[in-house]
Every structure is written in structure tokens, then in C-alpha cells.
Amino acid sequence: MKNYIFAFFLVFLTGSFAFGQRYAYVNTEKILDAMPEYEEAQKEMDRISEEWFNEIEGLFADVDKKRKEYEAEAILLPEALKKQREKDISDAETRAKEMQSKRFGPDGDLFMKREELIKPIQDKVFNAIQQVASARNFAFVFDKANQSNLLFADAKYDISDAVLSEMGIKVGKN
């Protein structure tokens, strides 16, 4: 009998906790798009990325030019000069690949610049989400943007506009 009473209370308590939790979702893409500082940071990231891409493209173009010149002159060059030119081409190619990795690698300059420009904005959004969720007593807040696993969401649980308001951004109705 004690087992039945225990099981009953366990089911009752578990059920009451599940009903007490509140859920909401945000669309961080919508929030970020409404932030002028995010747009400016994105433009700066695009500008820097293009600048570094052109720099690296120039290095690889220089390697190709050296390789073509070498191939055209290789027949006439003495063996020692051939080895030196091959080494020069190989060194130039290595420098170009190293620069590419330095700029665009996993811990490269672009990643660091993104951390510098975008992370403070994302932190601001996250803090506003926490404020709204805490004020409205939500247990969970899901993100609807960027390939989320949220398959359906009723618009009445969307707190994106409240997050924008929390950050002082005027909300226009869509």
C-alpha cells in the first residue's frame, strides 16, 4: 500500500512541476536585424574580410606568376638556379597559406575581430532575454532563428518584441 501512495505522490508532484513551467521563444535573427550597431558591425566584418581576402588572393597570384615564369625559363636555367627558384616558389606558397590560415583559420584574425565586434552585441541581446524571461517567469526560452529544432511556435509565446523593448529599440508591427 505504501508503494501505491508513494507512486501516486510521485506522479502528482511530477505532473504539477510540468504544468508550472512556462516557455517562450525569441527570434535572435529578427532582434539582431533591428539593431543598428549589429548592422554596422556586420558591414565592418564584411569590409575587413574582403580586404584580407584580396590580400591573400594577391599572394597566391604572385605564386602563380612566379611558377609560370619559372616554367617558361626552366629549360634554360642551370640546376642550382632551378633549385633556388623552386624553393622561392615553395616559400611564397607557404607564406600565402600561412597568411590565409592566420586571417581565416579557426583562431584567426577574422574570428578574433568577430569576437571583438559581434560578441558584445550578442551579450547585450542575451542579457535582455534573461531580463524579460526572469520578469515574466519563463523557465525556458528557445531561439527560433538559424536552423533551430523548434518545429512549431505559437506567436503568442514570441517575446522577441519584448526583448527589443528591453534594449530600448522601437518595435514596428510587421
Protein backbone atom coordinates (compact mmCIF):
# COMPACT_ATOMS: atom_id res chain seq x y z
CA MET A 1 0.00 0.00 0.00
CA LYS A 2 2.85 2.35 0.82
CA ASN A 3 4.24 1.81 -2.68
CA TYR A 4 0.94 2.90 -4.24
CA ILE A 5 0.77 6.03 -2.13
CA PHE A 6 4.39 6.84 -2.95
CA ALA A 7 3.77 6.29 -6.66
CA PHE A 8 0.67 8.48 -6.54
CA PHE A 9 2.55 11.36 -4.89
CA LEU A 10 5.45 10.96 -7.29
CA VAL A 11 3.16 11.20 -10.32
CA PHE A 12 1.23 14.10 -8.75
CA LEU A 13 4.38 16.09 -7.94
CA THR A 14 5.97 15.44 -11.34
CA GLY A 15 2.80 16.49 -13.11
CA SER A 16 2.41 19.68 -11.11
CA PHE A 17 6.01 20.72 -11.84
CA ALA A 18 5.49 20.16 -15.57
CA PHE A 19 2.36 22.32 -15.62
CA GLY A 20 4.07 25.08 -13.65
CA GLN A 21 6.83 25.67 -16.19
CA ARG A 22 6.41 28.43 -18.74
CA TYR A 23 8.01 28.54 -22.16
CA ALA A 24 8.72 31.25 -24.68
CA TYR A 25 10.83 31.75 -27.77
CA VAL A 26 12.73 34.54 -29.46
CA ASN A 27 13.95 35.11 -32.97
CA THR A 28 17.51 36.36 -32.47
CA GLU A 29 17.84 37.00 -36.19
CA LYS A 30 14.92 39.45 -36.02
CA ILE A 31 16.39 41.06 -32.90
CA LEU A 32 19.88 41.45 -34.38
CA ASP A 33 18.49 42.81 -37.65
CA ALA A 34 16.68 45.53 -35.69
CA MET A 35 19.91 46.67 -34.01
CA PRO A 36 21.82 49.42 -35.88
CA GLU A 37 25.06 48.51 -34.10
CA TYR A 38 24.81 44.94 -35.40
CA GLU A 39 24.38 46.19 -38.96
CA GLU A 40 27.45 48.42 -38.54
CA ALA A 41 29.47 45.55 -37.09
CA GLN A 42 28.44 43.29 -39.99
CA LYS A 43 29.49 45.93 -42.52
CA GLU A 44 32.85 46.28 -40.77
CA MET A 45 33.30 42.49 -40.77
CA ASP A 46 32.49 42.36 -44.49
CA ARG A 47 34.94 45.17 -45.25
CA ILE A 48 37.76 43.55 -43.28
CA SER A 49 37.04 40.13 -44.73
CA GLU A 50 37.14 41.47 -48.28
CA GLU A 51 40.37 43.37 -47.59
CA TRP A 52 42.09 40.28 -46.19
CA PHE A 53 40.70 38.09 -48.98
CA ASN A 54 42.16 40.44 -51.59
CA GLU A 55 45.50 40.46 -49.75
CA ILE A 56 45.67 36.66 -49.78
CA GLU A 57 44.44 36.46 -53.35
CA GLY A 58 47.33 38.76 -54.29
CA LEU A 59 49.82 36.47 -52.58
CA PHE A 60 48.52 33.43 -54.45
CA ALA A 61 48.52 35.39 -57.73
CA ASP A 62 52.19 36.21 -57.08
CA VAL A 63 52.92 32.50 -56.55
CA ASP A 64 51.19 31.65 -59.84
CA LYS A 65 53.14 34.36 -61.65
CA LYS A 66 56.46 33.05 -60.26
CA ARG A 67 55.51 29.48 -61.18
CA LYS A 68 54.62 30.43 -64.78
CA GLU A 69 57.83 32.43 -65.19
CA TYR A 70 59.83 29.52 -63.83
CA GLU A 71 58.13 27.02 -66.14
CA ALA A 72 58.85 29.26 -69.14
CA GLU A 73 62.54 29.64 -68.21
CA ALA A 74 63.25 26.25 -66.59
CA ILE A 75 64.84 24.70 -69.68
CA LEU A 76 67.46 27.45 -69.89
CA LEU A 77 68.34 27.62 -66.17
CA PRO A 78 71.29 25.84 -64.56
CA GLU A 79 70.38 23.21 -61.96
CA ALA A 80 71.42 25.31 -58.96
CA LEU A 81 69.26 28.24 -60.11
CA LYS A 82 66.33 25.87 -60.75
CA LYS A 83 66.54 24.60 -57.17
CA GLN A 84 66.68 28.17 -55.83
CA ARG A 85 63.65 29.28 -57.88
CA GLU A 86 61.68 26.18 -56.85
CA LYS A 87 62.49 26.95 -53.22
CA ASP A 88 61.43 30.59 -53.68
CA ILE A 89 58.12 29.49 -55.19
CA SER A 90 57.57 26.95 -52.42
CA ASP A 91 58.38 29.57 -49.74
CA ALA A 92 56.00 32.09 -51.33
CA GLU A 93 53.23 29.49 -51.46
CA THR A 94 53.86 28.58 -47.81
CA ARG A 95 53.67 32.25 -46.80
CA ALA A 96 50.39 32.65 -48.68
CA LYS A 97 48.89 29.57 -46.98
CA GLU A 98 50.13 30.74 -43.57
CA MET A 99 48.58 34.17 -44.13
CA GLN A 100 45.32 32.52 -45.19
CA SER A 101 45.31 30.45 -42.02
CA LYS A 102 46.29 33.46 -39.88
CA ARG A 103 43.44 35.55 -41.27
CA PHE A 104 40.67 32.99 -41.79
CA GLY A 105 41.64 29.99 -39.65
CA PRO A 106 39.63 28.75 -36.65
CA ASP A 107 41.56 31.02 -34.27
CA GLY A 108 42.46 33.56 -36.92
CA ASP A 109 42.19 37.31 -37.14
CA LEU A 110 38.65 37.22 -38.56
CA PHE A 111 37.44 35.10 -35.65
CA MET A 112 39.08 37.49 -33.18
CA LYS A 113 37.60 40.52 -34.95
CA ARG A 114 34.18 38.89 -34.85
CA GLU A 115 34.61 38.32 -31.11
CA GLU A 116 35.55 41.98 -30.72
CA LEU A 117 32.68 43.41 -32.78
CA ILE A 118 29.79 40.93 -32.54
CA LYS A 119 30.16 39.28 -29.12
CA PRO A 120 29.28 42.43 -27.11
CA ILE A 121 26.10 42.80 -29.18
CA GLN A 122 25.19 39.14 -28.65
CA ASP A 123 25.84 39.54 -24.92
CA LYS A 124 23.53 42.56 -24.86
CA VAL A 125 20.77 40.51 -26.53
CA PHE A 126 21.35 37.57 -24.18
CA ASN A 127 21.15 39.83 -21.12
CA ALA A 128 17.90 41.38 -22.39
CA ILE A 129 16.47 37.90 -22.98
CA GLN A 130 17.41 36.95 -19.44
CA GLN A 131 15.76 40.11 -18.08
CA VAL A 132 12.49 39.53 -19.95
CA ALA A 133 12.43 35.80 -19.14
CA SER A 134 13.09 36.48 -15.47
CA ALA A 135 10.49 39.27 -15.27
CA ARG A 136 7.84 37.10 -16.94
CA ASN A 137 8.83 33.96 -15.05
CA PHE A 138 9.72 31.79 -18.06
CA ALA A 139 11.52 28.53 -17.32
CA PHE A 140 12.80 28.10 -20.89
CA VAL A 141 13.36 30.43 -23.83
CA PHE A 142 14.10 28.86 -27.20
CA ASP A 143 15.64 30.54 -30.23
CA LYS A 144 13.61 30.22 -33.43
CA ALA A 145 16.38 31.55 -35.73
CA ASN A 146 19.12 29.74 -37.63
CA GLN A 147 18.14 26.13 -38.18
CA SER A 148 16.63 25.58 -34.74
CA ASN A 149 14.79 22.41 -33.89
CA LEU A 150 11.70 24.40 -32.99
CA LEU A 151 9.20 22.93 -35.44
CA PHE A 152 6.17 24.96 -34.43
CA ALA A 153 5.74 28.03 -32.28
CA ASP A 154 2.56 29.91 -31.50
CA ALA A 155 3.18 33.64 -31.99
CA LYS A 156 1.70 34.46 -28.58
CA TYR A 157 4.84 32.95 -26.98
CA ASP A 158 7.23 35.08 -29.05
CA ILE A 159 8.99 37.52 -26.72
CA SER A 160 11.30 38.99 -29.39
CA ASP A 161 9.50 42.35 -29.31
CA ALA A 162 9.73 42.45 -25.52
CA VAL A 163 13.48 41.81 -25.75
CA LEU A 164 13.83 44.63 -28.28
CA SER A 165 11.86 46.92 -25.95
CA GLU A 166 14.09 45.87 -23.05
CA MET A 167 17.07 47.06 -25.10
CA GLY A 168 15.35 50.36 -25.93
CA ILE A 169 14.74 49.54 -29.59
CA LYS A 170 11.42 50.68 -31.04
CA VAL A 171 9.33 47.81 -32.28
CA GLY A 172 7.36 48.15 -35.51
CA LYS A 173 4.50 45.78 -36.18
CA ASN A 174 5.03 43.54 -39.22
